[in-house]
Amino acid sequence: MDIQIKRIYDAVEPADGKRILVDRLWPRGISKAHAQLDGWAKSLTPSNALRKWYHEDIEQRWDEFQQRYTAELTDQHEDLQALKSLAHQDKVTLLTAAKNAGKSHADVLKRILELE
């Protein structure tokens, strides 16, 4: 399984494989044509309440955010399984507008996808 994370603002590359946006909101300043997406996994993003709570104090809430988001993802089992299947068939790039992709929901989602 080959999954990577990139910011949606980074250049599109042939090595990206399937490009999946994993943000609930469309990123500012990016046209749909420029994004060159293969999918938009809105249902696999953190709830608005969790996202807002986390962004109030990213550094102090990172550990708890990971636990809460993982718990939310169990409610999206069918969509999560579909993304896992895609990742088993092809290279997948999870795209996010988060400034720090390493401490974002995309990082948590990547780790969950890689569990199987």
N, C-alpha and C. Protein backbone atom coordinates (compact mmCIF):
# COMPACT_ATOMS: atom_id res chain seq x y z
N MET A 1 0.85 -1.17 0.00
CA MET A 1 0.00 0.00 0.00
C MET A 1 0.90 1.24 0.00
N ASP A 2 0.61 2.14 -0.92
CA ASP A 2 1.44 3.34 -1.07
C ASP A 2 0.55 4.57 -0.92
N ILE A 3 0.62 5.19 0.24
CA ILE A 3 -0.19 6.37 0.54
C ILE A 3 0.73 7.50 0.96
N GLN A 4 0.50 8.66 0.39
CA GLN A 4 1.26 9.83 0.80
C GLN A 4 0.29 10.97 1.08
N ILE A 5 0.79 12.00 1.75
CA ILE A 5 0.01 13.20 2.06
C ILE A 5 0.71 14.39 1.41
N LYS A 6 -0.08 15.24 0.79
CA LYS A 6 0.43 16.47 0.21
C LYS A 6 -0.55 17.60 0.50
N ARG A 7 -0.03 18.79 0.48
CA ARG A 7 -0.91 19.95 0.54
C ARG A 7 -1.53 20.15 -0.84
N ILE A 8 -2.77 20.51 -0.87
CA ILE A 8 -3.48 20.73 -2.13
C ILE A 8 -2.80 21.82 -2.96
N TYR A 9 -2.05 22.69 -2.29
CA TYR A 9 -1.38 23.80 -2.96
C TYR A 9 -0.07 23.38 -3.64
N ASP A 10 0.41 22.18 -3.35
CA ASP A 10 1.64 21.68 -3.98
C ASP A 10 1.35 21.29 -5.43
N ALA A 11 2.38 21.26 -6.24
CA ALA A 11 2.24 20.93 -7.66
C ALA A 11 1.71 19.51 -7.85
N VAL A 12 0.88 19.35 -8.86
CA VAL A 12 0.39 18.03 -9.25
C VAL A 12 1.55 17.30 -9.96
N GLU A 13 1.74 16.03 -9.58
CA GLU A 13 2.80 15.24 -10.19
C GLU A 13 2.24 13.90 -10.64
N PRO A 14 2.79 13.35 -11.71
CA PRO A 14 2.33 12.04 -12.17
C PRO A 14 2.45 10.97 -11.08
N ALA A 15 3.43 11.10 -10.21
CA ALA A 15 3.66 10.12 -9.15
C ALA A 15 2.60 10.18 -8.04
N ASP A 16 1.68 11.14 -8.10
CA ASP A 16 0.65 11.26 -7.07
C ASP A 16 -0.31 10.08 -7.08
N GLY A 17 -0.50 9.45 -8.20
CA GLY A 17 -1.49 8.38 -8.29
C GLY A 17 -2.88 8.98 -8.18
N LYS A 18 -3.75 8.33 -7.44
CA LYS A 18 -5.12 8.83 -7.23
C LYS A 18 -5.07 9.96 -6.22
N ARG A 19 -5.59 11.10 -6.61
CA ARG A 19 -5.57 12.30 -5.76
C ARG A 19 -6.93 12.46 -5.08
N ILE A 20 -6.94 12.33 -3.75
CA ILE A 20 -8.18 12.38 -2.98
C ILE A 20 -8.12 13.54 -1.98
N LEU A 21 -9.04 14.48 -2.12
CA LEU A 21 -9.13 15.58 -1.16
C LEU A 21 -9.79 15.06 0.10
N VAL A 22 -9.17 15.31 1.25
CA VAL A 22 -9.70 14.81 2.52
C VAL A 22 -10.05 15.94 3.47
N ASP A 23 -10.44 17.08 2.92
CA ASP A 23 -10.91 18.22 3.72
C ASP A 23 -12.41 18.37 3.52
N ARG A 24 -13.11 18.80 4.57
CA ARG A 24 -14.55 19.01 4.48
C ARG A 24 -14.88 20.22 3.62
N LEU A 25 -14.06 21.26 3.72
CA LEU A 25 -14.30 22.51 2.99
C LEU A 25 -13.38 22.58 1.78
N TRP A 26 -13.87 23.17 0.70
CA TRP A 26 -13.03 23.34 -0.49
C TRP A 26 -11.92 24.33 -0.17
N PRO A 27 -10.68 24.03 -0.55
CA PRO A 27 -9.55 24.91 -0.23
C PRO A 27 -9.62 26.25 -0.98
N ARG A 28 -9.29 27.30 -0.27
CA ARG A 28 -9.29 28.64 -0.86
C ARG A 28 -8.27 28.76 -1.98
N GLY A 29 -8.69 29.45 -3.03
CA GLY A 29 -7.77 29.78 -4.11
C GLY A 29 -7.44 28.65 -5.07
N ILE A 30 -8.10 27.51 -4.95
CA ILE A 30 -7.83 26.37 -5.81
C ILE A 30 -9.06 26.11 -6.69
N SER A 31 -8.85 26.09 -7.98
CA SER A 31 -9.96 25.76 -8.87
C SER A 31 -10.06 24.24 -8.98
N LYS A 32 -11.24 23.77 -9.32
CA LYS A 32 -11.42 22.32 -9.48
C LYS A 32 -10.54 21.78 -10.59
N ALA A 33 -10.36 22.56 -11.64
CA ALA A 33 -9.49 22.11 -12.74
C ALA A 33 -8.04 21.99 -12.28
N HIS A 34 -7.57 22.95 -11.50
CA HIS A 34 -6.20 22.92 -11.00
C HIS A 34 -5.97 21.77 -10.01
N ALA A 35 -6.97 21.44 -9.23
CA ALA A 35 -6.83 20.40 -8.20
C ALA A 35 -6.62 19.01 -8.81
N GLN A 36 -7.20 18.76 -9.95
CA GLN A 36 -7.08 17.47 -10.64
C GLN A 36 -7.36 16.30 -9.69
N LEU A 37 -8.54 16.32 -9.09
CA LEU A 37 -8.91 15.30 -8.11
C LEU A 37 -9.51 14.06 -8.75
N ASP A 38 -9.29 12.94 -8.08
CA ASP A 38 -9.95 11.69 -8.43
C ASP A 38 -11.09 11.40 -7.46
N GLY A 39 -11.17 12.17 -6.39
CA GLY A 39 -12.23 11.99 -5.42
C GLY A 39 -12.14 13.02 -4.32
N TRP A 40 -13.26 13.16 -3.60
CA TRP A 40 -13.34 14.08 -2.46
C TRP A 40 -14.02 13.33 -1.34
N ALA A 41 -13.27 12.95 -0.33
CA ALA A 41 -13.76 12.11 0.77
C ALA A 41 -14.27 12.97 1.93
N LYS A 42 -15.31 13.74 1.68
CA LYS A 42 -15.87 14.62 2.73
C LYS A 42 -16.34 13.84 3.95
N SER A 43 -16.88 12.65 3.70
CA SER A 43 -17.44 11.87 4.80
C SER A 43 -16.36 11.33 5.75
N LEU A 44 -15.10 11.37 5.33
CA LEU A 44 -14.01 10.87 6.18
C LEU A 44 -13.27 11.99 6.90
N THR A 45 -13.84 13.18 6.89
CA THR A 45 -13.19 14.31 7.57
C THR A 45 -13.73 14.44 8.98
N PRO A 46 -13.00 15.10 9.86
CA PRO A 46 -13.50 15.31 11.22
C PRO A 46 -14.79 16.13 11.21
N SER A 47 -15.64 15.88 12.17
CA SER A 47 -16.87 16.67 12.30
C SER A 47 -16.49 18.14 12.51
N ASN A 48 -17.41 19.03 12.20
CA ASN A 48 -17.15 20.46 12.40
C ASN A 48 -16.81 20.76 13.86
N ALA A 49 -17.54 20.13 14.77
CA ALA A 49 -17.28 20.37 16.19
C ALA A 49 -15.86 19.94 16.58
N LEU A 50 -15.44 18.77 16.12
CA LEU A 50 -14.09 18.29 16.45
C LEU A 50 -13.03 19.17 15.79
N ARG A 51 -13.24 19.54 14.55
CA ARG A 51 -12.28 20.38 13.84
C ARG A 51 -12.09 21.72 14.55
N LYS A 52 -13.20 22.36 14.93
CA LYS A 52 -13.11 23.65 15.62
C LYS A 52 -12.45 23.50 16.98
N TRP A 53 -12.80 22.46 17.72
CA TRP A 53 -12.20 22.21 19.04
C TRP A 53 -10.68 22.05 18.90
N TYR A 54 -10.26 21.26 17.92
CA TYR A 54 -8.83 21.00 17.73
C TYR A 54 -8.07 22.27 17.36
N HIS A 55 -8.65 23.08 16.50
CA HIS A 55 -7.95 24.28 16.04
C HIS A 55 -7.84 25.38 17.10
N GLU A 56 -8.54 25.24 18.21
CA GLU A 56 -8.39 26.20 19.31
C GLU A 56 -7.03 26.07 19.97
N ASP A 57 -6.45 24.86 19.96
CA ASP A 57 -5.14 24.64 20.59
C ASP A 57 -4.50 23.38 20.01
N ILE A 58 -4.00 23.50 18.81
CA ILE A 58 -3.47 22.35 18.07
C ILE A 58 -2.37 21.63 18.84
N GLU A 59 -1.45 22.36 19.40
CA GLU A 59 -0.30 21.72 20.08
C GLU A 59 -0.73 20.91 21.31
N GLN A 60 -1.63 21.44 22.10
CA GLN A 60 -2.03 20.76 23.34
C GLN A 60 -3.07 19.67 23.11
N ARG A 61 -3.79 19.72 22.01
CA ARG A 61 -4.90 18.79 21.80
C ARG A 61 -4.62 17.70 20.78
N TRP A 62 -3.41 17.63 20.27
CA TRP A 62 -3.09 16.68 19.21
C TRP A 62 -3.37 15.24 19.61
N ASP A 63 -2.91 14.80 20.77
CA ASP A 63 -3.10 13.41 21.19
C ASP A 63 -4.58 13.07 21.33
N GLU A 64 -5.33 13.93 21.98
CA GLU A 64 -6.75 13.67 22.16
C GLU A 64 -7.50 13.77 20.82
N PHE A 65 -7.09 14.69 19.97
CA PHE A 65 -7.70 14.80 18.65
C PHE A 65 -7.59 13.49 17.89
N GLN A 66 -6.42 12.88 17.91
CA GLN A 66 -6.21 11.61 17.20
C GLN A 66 -7.19 10.55 17.69
N GLN A 67 -7.38 10.48 19.00
CA GLN A 67 -8.31 9.50 19.57
C GLN A 67 -9.75 9.79 19.16
N ARG A 68 -10.15 11.05 19.25
CA ARG A 68 -11.53 11.43 18.91
C ARG A 68 -11.82 11.22 17.43
N TYR A 69 -10.88 11.59 16.59
CA TYR A 69 -11.08 11.44 15.15
C TYR A 69 -11.13 9.97 14.76
N THR A 70 -10.29 9.16 15.34
CA THR A 70 -10.31 7.73 15.08
C THR A 70 -11.67 7.15 15.46
N ALA A 71 -12.22 7.58 16.59
CA ALA A 71 -13.54 7.12 17.01
C ALA A 71 -14.62 7.56 16.02
N GLU A 72 -14.51 8.78 15.51
CA GLU A 72 -15.48 9.24 14.51
C GLU A 72 -15.41 8.41 13.23
N LEU A 73 -14.24 8.02 12.85
CA LEU A 73 -14.08 7.26 11.60
C LEU A 73 -14.76 5.91 11.65
N THR A 74 -14.94 5.34 12.80
CA THR A 74 -15.63 4.05 12.88
C THR A 74 -17.07 4.19 12.40
N ASP A 75 -17.63 5.39 12.49
CA ASP A 75 -18.99 5.63 12.01
C ASP A 75 -19.03 5.69 10.48
N GLN A 76 -17.91 5.84 9.83
CA GLN A 76 -17.83 5.96 8.37
C GLN A 76 -17.21 4.70 7.77
N HIS A 77 -17.49 3.58 8.36
CA HIS A 77 -16.81 2.33 8.00
C HIS A 77 -16.87 2.03 6.50
N GLU A 78 -18.01 2.18 5.86
CA GLU A 78 -18.15 1.85 4.44
C GLU A 78 -17.24 2.72 3.56
N ASP A 79 -17.23 4.02 3.81
CA ASP A 79 -16.38 4.92 3.03
C ASP A 79 -14.90 4.68 3.31
N LEU A 80 -14.59 4.36 4.54
CA LEU A 80 -13.20 4.07 4.90
C LEU A 80 -12.73 2.81 4.18
N GLN A 81 -13.59 1.80 4.13
CA GLN A 81 -13.24 0.56 3.44
C GLN A 81 -13.05 0.79 1.94
N ALA A 82 -13.86 1.67 1.36
CA ALA A 82 -13.73 1.98 -0.07
C ALA A 82 -12.38 2.65 -0.35
N LEU A 83 -11.97 3.55 0.54
CA LEU A 83 -10.67 4.21 0.36
C LEU A 83 -9.53 3.22 0.57
N LYS A 84 -9.67 2.30 1.52
CA LYS A 84 -8.66 1.27 1.72
C LYS A 84 -8.52 0.40 0.48
N SER A 85 -9.64 0.05 -0.11
CA SER A 85 -9.61 -0.78 -1.33
C SER A 85 -8.88 -0.05 -2.45
N LEU A 86 -9.17 1.22 -2.61
CA LEU A 86 -8.49 2.02 -3.62
C LEU A 86 -6.99 2.04 -3.37
N ALA A 87 -6.60 2.21 -2.10
CA ALA A 87 -5.18 2.27 -1.75
C ALA A 87 -4.47 0.93 -1.98
N HIS A 88 -5.20 -0.17 -1.91
CA HIS A 88 -4.61 -1.48 -2.21
C HIS A 88 -4.39 -1.66 -3.71
N GLN A 89 -5.17 -0.95 -4.52
CA GLN A 89 -5.10 -1.11 -5.97
C GLN A 89 -4.14 -0.13 -6.64
N ASP A 90 -3.97 1.04 -6.02
CA ASP A 90 -3.25 2.12 -6.68
C ASP A 90 -2.55 2.98 -5.64
N LYS A 91 -1.58 3.76 -6.08
CA LYS A 91 -0.98 4.76 -5.19
C LYS A 91 -2.03 5.83 -4.91
N VAL A 92 -2.10 6.29 -3.66
CA VAL A 92 -3.08 7.30 -3.27
C VAL A 92 -2.37 8.46 -2.60
N THR A 93 -2.75 9.67 -3.00
CA THR A 93 -2.26 10.88 -2.35
C THR A 93 -3.45 11.55 -1.66
N LEU A 94 -3.35 11.67 -0.34
CA LEU A 94 -4.37 12.38 0.43
C LEU A 94 -4.01 13.85 0.40
N LEU A 95 -4.94 14.67 -0.03
CA LEU A 95 -4.70 16.10 -0.18
C LEU A 95 -5.43 16.89 0.89
N THR A 96 -4.73 17.85 1.47
CA THR A 96 -5.31 18.69 2.51
C THR A 96 -4.78 20.11 2.37
N ALA A 97 -5.56 21.06 2.87
CA ALA A 97 -5.10 22.46 2.89
C ALA A 97 -4.39 22.78 4.20
N ALA A 98 -4.35 21.83 5.12
CA ALA A 98 -3.73 22.05 6.43
C ALA A 98 -2.28 22.51 6.27
N LYS A 99 -1.90 23.52 7.04
CA LYS A 99 -0.54 24.04 6.97
C LYS A 99 0.48 23.01 7.45
N ASN A 100 0.11 22.24 8.46
CA ASN A 100 1.00 21.21 8.99
C ASN A 100 0.33 19.86 8.78
N ALA A 101 0.55 19.27 7.62
CA ALA A 101 -0.10 18.00 7.28
C ALA A 101 0.29 16.88 8.24
N GLY A 102 1.45 17.00 8.88
CA GLY A 102 1.91 15.98 9.82
C GLY A 102 1.15 15.97 11.14
N LYS A 103 0.46 17.06 11.43
CA LYS A 103 -0.38 17.12 12.63
C LYS A 103 -1.79 17.50 12.21
N SER A 104 -2.29 16.74 11.25
CA SER A 104 -3.63 16.99 10.74
C SER A 104 -4.41 15.69 10.67
N HIS A 105 -5.68 15.82 10.39
CA HIS A 105 -6.53 14.64 10.24
C HIS A 105 -6.03 13.74 9.10
N ALA A 106 -5.38 14.33 8.08
CA ALA A 106 -4.86 13.53 6.97
C ALA A 106 -3.82 12.53 7.46
N ASP A 107 -3.00 12.93 8.41
CA ASP A 107 -1.99 12.03 8.97
C ASP A 107 -2.64 10.89 9.73
N VAL A 108 -3.67 11.20 10.51
CA VAL A 108 -4.39 10.16 11.25
C VAL A 108 -5.07 9.20 10.28
N LEU A 109 -5.72 9.75 9.27
CA LEU A 109 -6.40 8.93 8.27
C LEU A 109 -5.41 8.01 7.55
N LYS A 110 -4.26 8.53 7.19
CA LYS A 110 -3.23 7.72 6.52
C LYS A 110 -2.83 6.54 7.39
N ARG A 111 -2.59 6.79 8.67
CA ARG A 111 -2.18 5.71 9.56
C ARG A 111 -3.28 4.64 9.69
N ILE A 112 -4.52 5.08 9.75
CA ILE A 112 -5.63 4.13 9.84
C ILE A 112 -5.73 3.30 8.58
N LEU A 113 -5.57 3.93 7.44
CA LEU A 113 -5.63 3.20 6.17
C LEU A 113 -4.52 2.16 6.07
N GLU A 114 -3.38 2.47 6.62
CA GLU A 114 -2.22 1.57 6.54
C GLU A 114 -2.27 0.41 7.54
N LEU A 115 -3.24 0.40 8.43
CA LEU A 115 -3.32 -0.66 9.44
C LEU A 115 -3.56 -2.03 8.83
N GLU A 116 -4.27 -2.08 7.73
CA GLU A 116 -4.58 -3.40 7.14
C GLU A 116 -3.72 -3.65 5.94
